Amino acid sequence: MREYALTFVIAVAVTYLLTPFVRRAAITFGAVPPVRDRDVHTEPIPRLGGIAIYGGFAAALLISYRLPHLQEVFVYTTWRGLLLAGGLITIIGIVDDRWGMGPIPKLAGQTAAAGIMVWSGVQMLWLPLPGTQLSLGPWLGAVVSVLLIVVTINAVNFADGLDGLAAGIVAISAAAFFAYYYVAAVDQGFERQSYPAMIAIILVGVCLGFLLHNFNPARVFMGDTGSMLLGLLLTSITITVTGQFYPDGRTSVHGLALFLPVLLPLLVLALPLADLVLAVVRRTLAGKSPFAPDKKHLHHRLLELGHSHARAVLLMYLWAAIIAFASVSLSVFDSPYMVLTVTVLVAMCAVGLITLPRLRRRRSAAVRASAPAPGPDGPADDRHASSTG
């Protein structure tokens, strides 16, 4: 655990320290686009913060390579492929954030980065199904892996609509993955120092390090440079954790614990994924390109309900945290009381999304209605004060 803690601190520190330099470089480089109609901020803010995220990730990964108890994690070439794929997706993001990139070239770049990861060994070998499992051959496994990577990249990209939203949600998901694998490793007697756990804790660190500059009011945006990179790293954890548990009886992992690696990112990113699907359907029915921007995303609707910027983000954090850590708890304890608790918490979160702004508006209206009306010479309190003075 000490090696993980050191890796986490390195990821946080390097990302946090790099971000101001990246911000100044983005301003010099001209990566400060004007405010668009669909944006929720009112002043131009520099992008390219994903460069700092990649720098923190690469530094933590390379330093971990020199730690004695983590060296066995680097036996395979998977980590080199992840560095290469992350570098490619970062370059694509830089081009897009600075000059703009069409949807087809961007999709091709995402597919190429996903292909590098699959080539390096990050590949789904089987899929858990109720009561059984589906064994994937090398070609079908590669296709499924590439598809999962590209969908997650774009889901995280869609979530990057409010200050700190994407970084916070991915940090929560990665922390849940780390907790899940570490508990499963202790329960099953696996090696606790492992590749998926290491990538998960690094991902938590880089997200938190960047979030210190990115939470509302943000001083820098990660841009597509960062959101695509976070999606890539999150999917690599999903795929590699799935591969740690064999569906052939060699482990006693079963039930929700067996399905969790595939389900967890889908659950945590359920709202961004739903937003992605609805956006494609909405734009297609309107006769527009599925990639055409609009101002009807989930975060826009939360603001329209009356939530402040920070409250909308915190509610999304709450949703992600309840789903992620409740799923991990269910996989460990498998208790009906845990199911009831999760149901109640999710229901409370949903009610809060709707009622809090309305209650706030009613309270404000009641305060205005109860305030004394000013007289002809000014407020009643002022008249009273002058008469007794």
Protein backbone atom coordinates (compact mmCIF):
# COMPACT_ATOMS: atom_id res chain seq x y z
CA MET A 1 0.00 0.00 0.00
CA ARG A 2 2.93 2.38 0.60
CA GLU A 3 3.96 2.12 -3.04
CA TYR A 4 0.43 2.99 -4.12
CA ALA A 5 0.40 5.96 -1.73
CA LEU A 6 3.70 7.24 -3.12
CA THR A 7 2.50 6.80 -6.69
CA PHE A 8 -0.70 8.70 -5.85
CA VAL A 9 1.22 11.60 -4.29
CA ILE A 10 3.53 11.83 -7.33
CA ALA A 11 0.57 11.90 -9.71
CA VAL A 12 -1.18 14.65 -7.72
CA ALA A 13 1.95 16.77 -7.26
CA VAL A 14 3.26 16.60 -10.82
CA THR A 15 -0.15 17.32 -12.36
CA TYR A 16 -0.82 20.18 -9.94
CA LEU A 17 2.60 21.77 -10.55
CA LEU A 18 2.49 21.33 -14.32
CA THR A 19 -0.97 22.83 -14.81
CA PRO A 20 -0.01 26.54 -14.33
CA PHE A 21 2.81 26.17 -16.88
CA VAL A 22 0.43 24.48 -19.32
CA ARG A 23 -2.11 27.27 -18.76
CA ARG A 24 0.43 29.96 -19.64
CA ALA A 25 1.61 27.94 -22.64
CA ALA A 26 -1.99 27.59 -23.84
CA ILE A 27 -2.44 31.37 -23.68
CA THR A 28 0.80 31.92 -25.60
CA PHE A 29 -0.13 29.19 -28.08
CA GLY A 30 -3.52 30.74 -28.72
CA ALA A 31 -5.57 27.86 -27.30
CA VAL A 32 -8.08 30.26 -25.72
CA PRO A 33 -11.20 29.94 -27.88
CA PRO A 34 -13.93 32.58 -27.65
CA VAL A 35 -17.05 31.84 -25.64
CA ARG A 36 -19.65 29.94 -27.68
CA ASP A 37 -23.42 30.05 -27.39
CA ARG A 38 -23.54 26.60 -25.76
CA ASP A 39 -20.83 27.38 -23.17
CA VAL A 40 -21.78 28.03 -19.55
CA HIS A 41 -18.77 30.25 -18.76
CA THR A 42 -18.79 33.92 -19.67
CA GLU A 43 -15.07 34.60 -20.20
CA PRO A 44 -12.54 32.84 -22.48
CA ILE A 45 -10.57 30.21 -20.55
CA PRO A 46 -7.42 28.48 -21.84
CA ARG A 47 -7.56 24.80 -22.71
CA LEU A 48 -4.89 22.10 -23.20
CA GLY A 49 -4.96 21.15 -19.50
CA GLY A 50 -4.82 17.53 -20.64
CA ILE A 51 -1.10 18.02 -21.30
CA ALA A 52 -0.56 18.38 -17.54
CA ILE A 53 -2.72 15.30 -16.94
CA TYR A 54 -0.61 13.26 -19.35
CA GLY A 55 2.58 14.63 -17.78
CA GLY A 56 1.43 13.62 -14.31
CA PHE A 57 0.37 10.18 -15.54
CA ALA A 58 3.65 9.54 -17.37
CA ALA A 59 5.77 10.76 -14.42
CA ALA A 60 3.92 8.59 -11.90
CA LEU A 61 4.08 5.57 -14.19
CA LEU A 62 7.78 5.91 -14.93
CA ILE A 63 8.71 6.51 -11.29
CA SER A 64 6.63 3.48 -10.28
CA TYR A 65 8.74 1.49 -12.71
CA ARG A 66 11.72 2.07 -10.37
CA LEU A 67 9.94 1.08 -7.14
CA PRO A 68 11.06 -2.40 -6.00
CA HIS A 69 7.64 -3.77 -5.04
CA LEU A 70 5.99 -2.58 -8.24
CA GLN A 71 8.57 -3.79 -10.75
CA GLU A 72 6.75 -7.08 -11.31
CA VAL A 73 3.79 -5.06 -12.56
CA PHE A 74 5.91 -3.96 -15.54
CA VAL A 75 6.72 -7.46 -16.80
CA TYR A 76 4.39 -7.06 -19.78
CA THR A 77 4.53 -4.32 -22.43
CA THR A 78 1.00 -3.13 -21.67
CA TRP A 79 2.20 -0.02 -19.86
CA ARG A 80 4.34 1.03 -22.84
CA GLY A 81 1.33 0.68 -25.14
CA LEU A 82 -0.74 2.78 -22.74
CA LEU A 83 1.92 5.51 -22.72
CA LEU A 84 2.05 5.47 -26.52
CA ALA A 85 -1.74 5.45 -26.93
CA GLY A 86 -2.07 8.21 -24.33
CA GLY A 87 0.54 10.28 -26.15
CA LEU A 88 -1.29 9.87 -29.46
CA ILE A 89 -4.69 10.82 -27.99
CA THR A 90 -3.06 13.84 -26.31
CA ILE A 91 -1.62 15.04 -29.62
CA ILE A 92 -5.02 14.63 -31.28
CA GLY A 93 -6.58 16.63 -28.47
CA ILE A 94 -3.99 19.41 -28.83
CA VAL A 95 -4.77 19.75 -32.53
CA ASP A 96 -8.50 19.78 -31.83
CA ASP A 97 -8.27 22.29 -28.96
CA ARG A 98 -6.07 24.67 -30.93
CA TRP A 99 -7.24 24.45 -34.53
CA GLY A 100 -10.34 22.28 -34.41
CA MET A 101 -10.76 18.84 -35.94
CA GLY A 102 -13.65 17.29 -37.83
CA PRO A 103 -15.53 14.38 -36.28
CA ILE A 104 -14.27 11.80 -38.78
CA PRO A 105 -10.53 12.52 -38.33
CA LYS A 106 -11.03 12.66 -34.56
CA LEU A 107 -12.84 9.31 -34.57
CA ALA A 108 -10.06 7.84 -36.69
CA GLY A 109 -7.47 9.08 -34.18
CA GLN A 110 -9.42 7.63 -31.27
CA THR A 111 -9.65 4.30 -33.08
CA ALA A 112 -5.90 4.35 -33.75
CA ALA A 113 -5.15 4.97 -30.07
CA ALA A 114 -7.52 2.16 -29.12
CA GLY A 115 -5.78 -0.10 -31.63
CA ILE A 116 -2.42 0.62 -29.99
CA MET A 117 -3.82 -0.40 -26.62
CA VAL A 118 -5.26 -3.63 -28.02
CA TRP A 119 -1.98 -4.36 -29.80
CA SER A 120 -0.11 -3.96 -26.50
CA GLY A 121 -2.36 -6.49 -24.75
CA VAL A 122 -5.27 -4.47 -23.35
CA GLN A 123 -8.02 -6.66 -24.76
CA MET A 124 -11.29 -8.22 -23.63
CA LEU A 125 -10.93 -12.01 -23.64
CA TRP A 126 -14.40 -12.84 -22.35
CA LEU A 127 -17.64 -11.17 -21.34
CA PRO A 128 -19.62 -12.15 -18.23
CA LEU A 129 -23.23 -13.06 -18.93
CA PRO A 130 -26.00 -14.09 -16.51
CA GLY A 131 -25.34 -17.72 -15.60
CA THR A 132 -22.50 -18.11 -18.09
CA GLN A 133 -19.75 -16.25 -19.91
CA LEU A 134 -19.01 -15.50 -23.55
CA SER A 135 -15.50 -16.38 -24.65
CA LEU A 136 -14.19 -13.96 -27.28
CA GLY A 137 -11.73 -14.93 -29.96
CA PRO A 138 -8.80 -12.65 -30.77
CA TRP A 139 -10.57 -10.81 -33.59
CA LEU A 140 -13.93 -10.37 -31.88
CA GLY A 141 -12.17 -9.46 -28.65
CA ALA A 142 -10.17 -6.79 -30.45
CA VAL A 143 -13.28 -5.30 -32.06
CA VAL A 144 -15.20 -5.26 -28.76
CA SER A 145 -12.23 -3.70 -26.98
CA VAL A 146 -11.78 -0.95 -29.57
CA LEU A 147 -15.51 -0.21 -29.51
CA LEU A 148 -15.57 -0.01 -25.70
CA ILE A 149 -12.55 2.29 -25.65
CA VAL A 150 -13.94 4.68 -28.26
CA VAL A 151 -17.40 4.84 -26.62
CA THR A 152 -15.91 5.57 -23.18
CA ILE A 153 -13.61 8.25 -24.62
CA ASN A 154 -16.60 10.07 -26.11
CA ALA A 155 -18.76 9.56 -23.01
CA VAL A 156 -16.14 11.25 -20.82
CA ASN A 157 -15.78 13.95 -23.47
CA PHE A 158 -19.53 14.60 -23.26
CA ALA A 159 -19.29 14.80 -19.45
CA ASP A 160 -16.77 17.64 -19.73
CA GLY A 161 -19.40 20.38 -19.79
CA LEU A 162 -19.03 21.99 -16.36
CA ASP A 163 -15.99 23.04 -14.38
CA GLY A 164 -14.46 19.97 -12.74
CA LEU A 165 -17.21 17.57 -13.80
CA ALA A 166 -15.25 15.12 -15.96
CA ALA A 167 -12.19 15.06 -13.68
CA GLY A 168 -14.32 14.45 -10.59
CA ILE A 169 -16.46 11.68 -12.08
CA VAL A 170 -13.44 9.84 -13.48
CA ALA A 171 -11.61 10.19 -10.13
CA ILE A 172 -14.59 8.66 -8.32
CA SER A 173 -14.81 5.80 -10.81
CA ALA A 174 -11.07 5.08 -10.64
CA ALA A 175 -11.14 5.16 -6.81
CA ALA A 176 -14.00 2.65 -6.84
CA PHE A 177 -12.01 0.41 -9.20
CA PHE A 178 -9.00 0.58 -6.89
CA ALA A 179 -11.12 -0.31 -3.86
CA TYR A 180 -12.80 -3.14 -5.76
CA TYR A 181 -9.58 -4.72 -6.95
CA TYR A 182 -7.74 -4.30 -3.64
CA VAL A 183 -10.58 -5.90 -1.66
CA ALA A 184 -10.89 -8.70 -4.22
CA ALA A 185 -7.12 -9.27 -4.13
CA VAL A 186 -7.15 -9.59 -0.34
CA ASP A 187 -10.18 -11.92 -0.45
CA GLN A 188 -8.81 -14.15 -3.22
CA GLY A 189 -5.17 -14.08 -2.17
CA PHE A 190 -4.02 -12.31 -5.36
CA GLU A 191 -0.91 -10.20 -5.62
CA ARG A 192 -1.93 -6.80 -4.28
CA GLN A 193 0.58 -4.93 -6.43
CA SER A 194 -1.00 -5.14 -9.86
CA TYR A 195 -1.24 -3.24 -13.11
CA PRO A 196 -4.97 -2.29 -12.93
CA ALA A 197 -4.70 -1.11 -9.31
CA MET A 198 -1.63 0.97 -10.15
CA ILE A 199 -3.28 2.64 -13.17
CA ALA A 200 -6.41 3.28 -11.10
CA ILE A 201 -4.55 5.05 -8.29
CA ILE A 202 -2.52 7.10 -10.78
CA LEU A 203 -5.75 8.11 -12.53
CA VAL A 204 -7.24 9.26 -9.21
CA GLY A 205 -4.10 11.29 -8.54
CA VAL A 206 -3.94 13.10 -11.88
CA CYS A 207 -7.66 13.93 -11.70
CA LEU A 208 -7.36 15.41 -8.21
CA GLY A 209 -4.20 17.32 -9.11
CA PHE A 210 -5.91 18.91 -12.08
CA LEU A 211 -9.18 19.42 -10.21
CA LEU A 212 -7.44 21.86 -7.85
CA HIS A 213 -7.18 24.22 -10.85
CA ASN A 214 -10.36 23.16 -12.63
CA PHE A 215 -13.15 23.28 -10.05
CA ASN A 216 -15.55 26.19 -10.35
CA PRO A 217 -14.46 28.84 -11.10
CA ALA A 218 -12.02 27.07 -13.40
CA ARG A 219 -8.73 28.72 -14.33
CA VAL A 220 -7.98 26.21 -17.07
CA PHE A 221 -9.93 23.58 -19.03
CA MET A 222 -8.65 20.10 -19.83
CA GLY A 223 -10.20 20.35 -23.30
CA ASP A 224 -10.47 17.34 -25.57
CA THR A 225 -6.79 16.81 -24.79
CA GLY A 226 -7.68 15.76 -21.26
CA SER A 227 -11.19 14.34 -21.57
CA MET A 228 -10.21 11.86 -24.28
CA LEU A 229 -7.12 10.85 -22.30
CA LEU A 230 -9.18 10.21 -19.15
CA GLY A 231 -11.62 8.07 -21.12
CA LEU A 232 -8.74 6.05 -22.56
CA LEU A 233 -7.16 5.43 -19.15
CA LEU A 234 -10.49 4.55 -17.53
CA THR A 235 -11.23 1.94 -20.18
CA SER A 236 -7.79 0.39 -19.80
CA ILE A 237 -8.62 -0.29 -16.14
CA THR A 238 -11.99 -1.79 -17.08
CA ILE A 239 -10.47 -4.22 -19.56
CA THR A 240 -7.45 -5.24 -17.48
CA VAL A 241 -9.49 -5.78 -14.30
CA THR A 242 -11.88 -8.03 -16.26
CA GLY A 243 -8.92 -10.09 -17.40
CA GLN A 244 -7.75 -10.64 -13.81
CA PHE A 245 -10.69 -12.92 -12.98
CA TYR A 246 -10.95 -16.12 -14.98
CA PRO A 247 -14.41 -17.56 -15.71
CA ASP A 248 -13.20 -21.16 -15.51
CA GLY A 249 -13.44 -21.88 -11.80
CA ARG A 250 -9.88 -20.95 -10.90
CA THR A 251 -11.21 -18.21 -8.61
CA SER A 252 -14.25 -18.03 -6.38
CA VAL A 253 -15.23 -14.60 -7.68
CA HIS A 254 -18.88 -14.77 -8.62
CA GLY A 255 -22.10 -12.79 -8.71
CA LEU A 256 -21.85 -9.02 -8.93
CA ALA A 257 -18.10 -9.13 -8.23
CA LEU A 258 -17.61 -10.93 -11.55
CA PHE A 259 -19.75 -8.46 -13.52
CA LEU A 260 -18.52 -5.31 -11.78
CA PRO A 261 -15.47 -4.51 -13.97
CA VAL A 262 -17.72 -4.23 -17.03
CA LEU A 263 -20.70 -2.68 -15.25
CA LEU A 264 -18.91 -0.10 -13.08
CA PRO A 265 -17.87 2.39 -15.79
CA LEU A 266 -21.27 2.01 -17.44
CA LEU A 267 -23.01 2.76 -14.13
CA VAL A 268 -20.80 5.68 -13.15
CA LEU A 269 -20.99 7.15 -16.64
CA ALA A 270 -24.69 6.28 -16.99
CA LEU A 271 -25.75 9.92 -17.16
CA PRO A 272 -23.03 10.99 -19.65
CA LEU A 273 -23.72 7.87 -21.73
CA ALA A 274 -27.45 8.58 -21.72
CA ASP A 275 -26.67 12.18 -22.63
CA LEU A 276 -24.51 10.93 -25.51
CA VAL A 277 -27.25 8.65 -26.86
CA LEU A 278 -29.97 11.27 -26.48
CA ALA A 279 -27.80 13.89 -28.20
CA VAL A 280 -27.22 11.63 -31.19
CA VAL A 281 -30.95 10.80 -31.44
CA ARG A 282 -31.98 14.43 -30.94
CA ARG A 283 -29.65 15.78 -33.60
CA THR A 284 -30.42 12.99 -36.08
CA LEU A 285 -34.17 13.55 -35.77
CA ALA A 286 -33.59 17.26 -36.30
CA GLY A 287 -31.73 16.51 -39.53
CA LYS A 288 -28.36 17.58 -38.10
CA SER A 289 -25.05 15.81 -37.78
CA PRO A 290 -24.81 13.62 -34.65
CA PHE A 291 -21.67 15.60 -33.81
CA ALA A 292 -23.30 19.03 -34.18
CA PRO A 293 -23.09 20.96 -30.88
CA ASP A 294 -26.16 22.23 -29.05
CA LYS A 295 -27.20 23.56 -25.64
CA LYS A 296 -29.46 20.72 -24.55
CA HIS A 297 -27.03 18.52 -22.66
CA LEU A 298 -27.71 17.28 -19.14
CA HIS A 299 -25.56 19.94 -17.50
CA HIS A 300 -27.44 22.65 -19.39
CA ARG A 301 -30.74 21.25 -18.10
CA LEU A 302 -29.45 21.16 -14.51
CA LEU A 303 -28.59 24.84 -14.76
CA GLU A 304 -32.01 25.56 -16.25
CA LEU A 305 -33.61 23.85 -13.23
CA GLY A 306 -32.01 26.52 -11.06
CA HIS A 307 -28.90 24.78 -9.75
CA SER A 308 -25.77 26.84 -9.38
CA HIS A 309 -22.70 25.75 -11.33
CA ALA A 310 -20.98 24.24 -8.28
CA ARG A 311 -24.14 22.57 -6.96
CA ALA A 312 -24.85 20.91 -10.30
CA VAL A 313 -21.32 19.47 -10.33
CA LEU A 314 -21.55 18.28 -6.72
CA LEU A 315 -24.88 16.54 -7.43
CA MET A 316 -23.27 14.71 -10.34
CA TYR A 317 -20.39 13.73 -8.02
CA LEU A 318 -22.94 12.42 -5.53
CA TRP A 319 -24.65 10.32 -8.18
CA ALA A 320 -21.33 8.84 -9.35
CA ALA A 321 -20.10 8.15 -5.81
CA ILE A 322 -23.34 6.46 -4.69
CA ILE A 323 -23.41 4.21 -7.74
CA ALA A 324 -19.68 3.39 -7.74
CA PHE A 325 -19.08 2.63 -4.08
CA ALA A 326 -22.49 1.06 -3.51
CA SER A 327 -21.74 -1.33 -6.39
CA VAL A 328 -18.38 -2.21 -4.83
CA SER A 329 -20.04 -2.74 -1.44
CA LEU A 330 -22.74 -4.93 -2.97
CA SER A 331 -20.11 -7.08 -4.66
CA VAL A 332 -18.36 -7.57 -1.33
CA PHE A 333 -21.21 -7.89 1.19
CA ASP A 334 -24.11 -9.07 -1.03
CA SER A 335 -26.65 -7.99 1.59
CA PRO A 336 -30.33 -7.08 1.01
CA TYR A 337 -29.88 -4.16 3.43
CA MET A 338 -27.17 -2.81 1.14
CA VAL A 339 -29.58 -2.98 -1.80
CA LEU A 340 -32.18 -1.07 0.21
CA THR A 341 -29.62 1.57 1.21
CA VAL A 342 -28.50 2.05 -2.38
CA THR A 343 -32.09 2.39 -3.57
CA VAL A 344 -32.86 5.00 -0.92
CA LEU A 345 -29.70 7.01 -1.66
CA VAL A 346 -30.33 7.01 -5.40
CA ALA A 347 -33.95 8.06 -4.84
CA MET A 348 -32.81 10.90 -2.55
CA CYS A 349 -30.31 12.03 -5.15
CA ALA A 350 -32.98 12.05 -7.86
CA VAL A 351 -35.40 13.98 -5.65
CA GLY A 352 -32.69 16.47 -4.80
CA LEU A 353 -32.00 17.12 -8.47
CA ILE A 354 -35.61 18.25 -8.91
CA THR A 355 -36.66 19.81 -5.60
CA LEU A 356 -33.66 21.80 -4.34
CA PRO A 357 -33.91 24.60 -6.92
CA ARG A 358 -37.68 24.83 -6.47
CA LEU A 359 -37.35 25.03 -2.68
CA ARG A 360 -34.71 27.70 -3.06
CA ARG A 361 -36.94 29.77 -5.38
CA ARG A 362 -39.90 29.42 -2.98
CA ARG A 363 -37.76 30.49 -0.02
CA SER A 364 -36.49 33.51 -1.91
CA ALA A 365 -40.04 34.44 -2.91
CA ALA A 366 -41.21 34.10 0.73
CA VAL A 367 -38.38 36.34 1.95
CA ARG A 368 -39.25 39.00 -0.61
CA ALA A 369 -42.95 38.80 0.27
CA SER A 370 -42.29 39.18 4.02
CA ALA A 371 -39.94 42.14 3.62
CA PRO A 372 -41.53 45.47 4.78
CA ALA A 373 -42.53 47.76 1.97
CA PRO A 374 -40.53 51.02 1.84
CA GLY A 375 -42.38 54.22 2.73
CA PRO A 376 -42.29 57.46 0.78
CA ASP A 377 -39.13 58.60 2.57
CA GLY A 378 -37.28 55.30 2.49
CA PRO A 379 -37.35 51.92 4.28
CA ALA A 380 -39.45 51.63 7.45
CA ASP A 381 -36.42 50.58 9.52
CA ASP A 382 -34.55 53.73 8.50
CA ARG A 383 -37.47 55.95 9.52
CA HIS A 384 -37.68 54.19 12.88
CA ALA A 385 -33.97 54.61 13.48
CA SER A 386 -33.99 58.31 12.67
CA SER A 387 -37.00 58.97 14.94
CA THR A 388 -35.36 57.36 17.94
CA GLY A 389 -31.91 58.69 17.32
